[in-house]
């Protein structure tokens, strides 16, 4: 019972099947990446605009707000919410400090006291 070695044609057909499987897998990966990129783009387009001003809130409702920030400030904490220019001026007038990094008081033209 001696089996003959595969012919060159058999080996080439085997190689073709392996390469086709690799190509199919690569095309699935490309399709997945294109889908993810499209989802990211839709997410970015649906994202609301950055507010002009932020109020960083305290740890609970009994604690006054911590800082007033410009909307793009990298120091604004997770407990920040967007506010209007009028509200930002009002909070500064009520004694809530301006962030020392983004200086919203300067941008607002607010002069303390």
C-alpha atoms as a PDB file:
ATOM      1  CA  UNK A   1       0.000   0.000   0.000  1.00  0.00           C
ATOM      2  CA  UNK A   2       2.267   2.679  -1.224  1.00  0.00           C
ATOM      3  CA  UNK A   3       0.618   5.968  -1.949  1.00  0.00           C
ATOM      4  CA  UNK A   4       1.988   8.011  -4.758  1.00  0.00           C
ATOM      5  CA  UNK A   5       3.245  11.471  -3.833  1.00  0.00           C
ATOM      6  CA  UNK A   6       0.907  14.312  -4.871  1.00  0.00           C
ATOM      7  CA  UNK A   7       1.473  15.624  -8.337  1.00  0.00           C
ATOM      8  CA  UNK A   8       2.684  19.138  -8.973  1.00  0.00           C
ATOM      9  CA  UNK A   9      -0.829  20.011 -10.181  1.00  0.00           C
ATOM     10  CA  UNK A  10      -2.331  18.680  -6.919  1.00  0.00           C
ATOM     11  CA  UNK A  11       0.110  20.782  -4.918  1.00  0.00           C
ATOM     12  CA  UNK A  12      -0.680  23.905  -6.930  1.00  0.00           C
ATOM     13  CA  UNK A  13      -4.437  23.383  -6.451  1.00  0.00           C
ATOM     14  CA  UNK A  14      -3.865  22.967  -2.709  1.00  0.00           C
ATOM     15  CA  UNK A  15      -1.842  26.203  -2.675  1.00  0.00           C
ATOM     16  CA  UNK A  16      -4.640  27.946  -4.570  1.00  0.00           C
ATOM     17  CA  UNK A  17      -7.207  26.851  -1.936  1.00  0.00           C
ATOM     18  CA  UNK A  18      -4.977  28.073   0.891  1.00  0.00           C
ATOM     19  CA  UNK A  19      -4.392  31.413  -0.813  1.00  0.00           C
ATOM     20  CA  UNK A  20      -8.110  31.801  -1.563  1.00  0.00           C
ATOM     21  CA  UNK A  21      -8.907  31.204   2.116  1.00  0.00           C
ATOM     22  CA  UNK A  22      -6.283  33.830   3.073  1.00  0.00           C
ATOM     23  CA  UNK A  23      -7.708  36.288   0.540  1.00  0.00           C
ATOM     24  CA  UNK A  24     -11.271  35.725   1.799  1.00  0.00           C
ATOM     25  CA  UNK A  25     -10.143  36.322   5.398  1.00  0.00           C
ATOM     26  CA  UNK A  26      -8.247  39.487   4.393  1.00  0.00           C
ATOM     27  CA  UNK A  27     -11.322  40.798   2.566  1.00  0.00           C
ATOM     28  CA  UNK A  28     -13.440  40.176   5.704  1.00  0.00           C
ATOM     29  CA  UNK A  29     -10.889  42.131   7.765  1.00  0.00           C
ATOM     30  CA  UNK A  30     -11.004  44.999   5.257  1.00  0.00           C
ATOM     31  CA  UNK A  31     -14.818  45.032   5.336  1.00  0.00           C
ATOM     32  CA  UNK A  32     -14.772  45.085   9.155  1.00  0.00           C
ATOM     33  CA  UNK A  33     -12.323  48.001   9.207  1.00  0.00           C
ATOM     34  CA  UNK A  34     -14.391  49.924   6.644  1.00  0.00           C
ATOM     35  CA  UNK A  35     -17.518  49.358   8.753  1.00  0.00           C
ATOM     36  CA  UNK A  36     -15.735  50.561  11.911  1.00  0.00           C
ATOM     37  CA  UNK A  37     -14.399  53.648  10.120  1.00  0.00           C
ATOM     38  CA  UNK A  38     -17.901  54.484   8.856  1.00  0.00           C
ATOM     39  CA  UNK A  39     -19.314  54.064  12.381  1.00  0.00           C
ATOM     40  CA  UNK A  40     -16.617  56.366  13.810  1.00  0.00           C
ATOM     41  CA  UNK A  41     -17.371  58.984  11.162  1.00  0.00           C
ATOM     42  CA  UNK A  42     -21.129  58.814  11.866  1.00  0.00           C
ATOM     43  CA  UNK A  43     -20.392  59.139  15.599  1.00  0.00           C
ATOM     44  CA  UNK A  44     -18.189  62.187  15.061  1.00  0.00           C
ATOM     45  CA  UNK A  45     -20.802  63.835  12.845  1.00  0.00           C
ATOM     46  CA  UNK A  46     -23.538  63.167  15.426  1.00  0.00           C
ATOM     47  CA  UNK A  47     -21.478  64.518  18.337  1.00  0.00           C
ATOM     48  CA  UNK A  48     -22.910  67.765  19.699  1.00  0.00           C
ATOM     49  CA  UNK A  49     -20.704  70.839  19.391  1.00  0.00           C
ATOM     50  CA  UNK A  50     -18.386  71.739  22.275  1.00  0.00           C
ATOM     51  CA  UNK A  51     -20.065  74.365  24.464  1.00  0.00           C
ATOM     52  CA  UNK A  52     -18.421  77.773  24.733  1.00  0.00           C
ATOM     53  CA  UNK A  53     -18.400  77.653  28.536  1.00  0.00           C
ATOM     54  CA  UNK A  54     -18.429  74.928  31.182  1.00  0.00           C
ATOM     55  CA  UNK A  55     -19.398  74.817  34.830  1.00  0.00           C
ATOM     56  CA  UNK A  56     -17.526  72.149  36.787  1.00  0.00           C
ATOM     57  CA  UNK A  57     -19.855  70.871  39.479  1.00  0.00           C
ATOM     58  CA  UNK A  58     -18.919  69.754  42.991  1.00  0.00           C
ATOM     59  CA  UNK A  59     -19.089  66.212  44.327  1.00  0.00           C
ATOM     60  CA  UNK A  60     -22.740  66.524  45.368  1.00  0.00           C
ATOM     61  CA  UNK A  61     -25.640  68.946  45.219  1.00  0.00           C
ATOM     62  CA  UNK A  62     -24.815  70.592  48.551  1.00  0.00           C
ATOM     63  CA  UNK A  63     -21.360  71.690  47.373  1.00  0.00           C
ATOM     64  CA  UNK A  64     -21.121  74.780  45.153  1.00  0.00           C
ATOM     65  CA  UNK A  65     -19.624  74.475  41.667  1.00  0.00           C
ATOM     66  CA  UNK A  66     -15.838  74.215  41.544  1.00  0.00           C
ATOM     67  CA  UNK A  67     -14.765  76.229  38.464  1.00  0.00           C
ATOM     68  CA  UNK A  68     -15.925  78.036  35.366  1.00  0.00           C
ATOM     69  CA  UNK A  69     -14.026  76.862  32.247  1.00  0.00           C
ATOM     70  CA  UNK A  70     -13.863  77.657  28.559  1.00  0.00           C
ATOM     71  CA  UNK A  71     -15.548  74.879  26.580  1.00  0.00           C
ATOM     72  CA  UNK A  72     -12.309  73.422  25.200  1.00  0.00           C
ATOM     73  CA  UNK A  73     -10.418  73.371  28.521  1.00  0.00           C
ATOM     74  CA  UNK A  74      -8.510  70.139  29.078  1.00  0.00           C
ATOM     75  CA  UNK A  75      -8.671  70.639  32.852  1.00  0.00           C
ATOM     76  CA  UNK A  76     -12.474  70.511  33.050  1.00  0.00           C
ATOM     77  CA  UNK A  77     -13.559  67.528  35.119  1.00  0.00           C
ATOM     78  CA  UNK A  78     -16.076  64.844  34.239  1.00  0.00           C
ATOM     79  CA  UNK A  79     -18.763  66.586  36.255  1.00  0.00           C
ATOM     80  CA  UNK A  80     -18.827  69.593  33.898  1.00  0.00           C
ATOM     81  CA  UNK A  81     -21.808  70.812  31.924  1.00  0.00           C
ATOM     82  CA  UNK A  82     -22.223  73.392  29.218  1.00  0.00           C
ATOM     83  CA  UNK A  83     -23.507  76.833  30.179  1.00  0.00           C
ATOM     84  CA  UNK A  84     -24.263  80.085  28.377  1.00  0.00           C
ATOM     85  CA  UNK A  85     -22.085  83.189  28.410  1.00  0.00           C
ATOM     86  CA  UNK A  86     -24.622  84.891  30.696  1.00  0.00           C
ATOM     87  CA  UNK A  87     -24.493  81.982  33.149  1.00  0.00           C
ATOM     88  CA  UNK A  88     -20.691  81.929  33.071  1.00  0.00           C
ATOM     89  CA  UNK A  89     -20.596  85.635  33.975  1.00  0.00           C
ATOM     90  CA  UNK A  90     -23.208  85.100  36.689  1.00  0.00           C
ATOM     91  CA  UNK A  91     -21.261  82.210  38.275  1.00  0.00           C
ATOM     92  CA  UNK A  92     -18.054  84.270  38.248  1.00  0.00           C
ATOM     93  CA  UNK A  93     -19.917  87.181  39.864  1.00  0.00           C
ATOM     94  CA  UNK A  94     -21.223  84.788  42.527  1.00  0.00           C
ATOM     95  CA  UNK A  95     -17.664  83.867  43.447  1.00  0.00           C
ATOM     96  CA  UNK A  96     -17.089  80.627  41.557  1.00  0.00           C
ATOM     97  CA  UNK A  97     -13.419  80.756  40.553  1.00  0.00           C
ATOM     98  CA  UNK A  98     -12.260  80.858  36.965  1.00  0.00           C
ATOM     99  CA  UNK A  99     -10.023  78.008  35.851  1.00  0.00           C
ATOM    100  CA  UNK A 100      -6.396  79.097  36.099  1.00  0.00           C
ATOM    101  CA  UNK A 101      -5.494  77.170  32.938  1.00  0.00           C
ATOM    102  CA  UNK A 102      -8.024  78.439  30.380  1.00  0.00           C
ATOM    103  CA  UNK A 103      -8.809  81.794  32.069  1.00  0.00           C
ATOM    104  CA  UNK A 104     -12.463  82.169  31.034  1.00  0.00           C
ATOM    105  CA  UNK A 105     -12.696  85.396  33.012  1.00  0.00           C
ATOM    106  CA  UNK A 106     -10.231  87.031  30.628  1.00  0.00           C
ATOM    107  CA  UNK A 107     -12.053  85.704  27.571  1.00  0.00           C
ATOM    108  CA  UNK A 108     -15.376  86.904  28.999  1.00  0.00           C
ATOM    109  CA  UNK A 109     -13.979  90.327  29.859  1.00  0.00           C
ATOM    110  CA  UNK A 110     -14.924  89.760  33.495  1.00  0.00           C
ATOM    111  CA  UNK A 111     -13.100  92.032  35.924  1.00  0.00           C
ATOM    112  CA  UNK A 112     -13.344  90.908  39.525  1.00  0.00           C
ATOM    113  CA  UNK A 113     -14.567  93.440  41.788  1.00  0.00           C
END
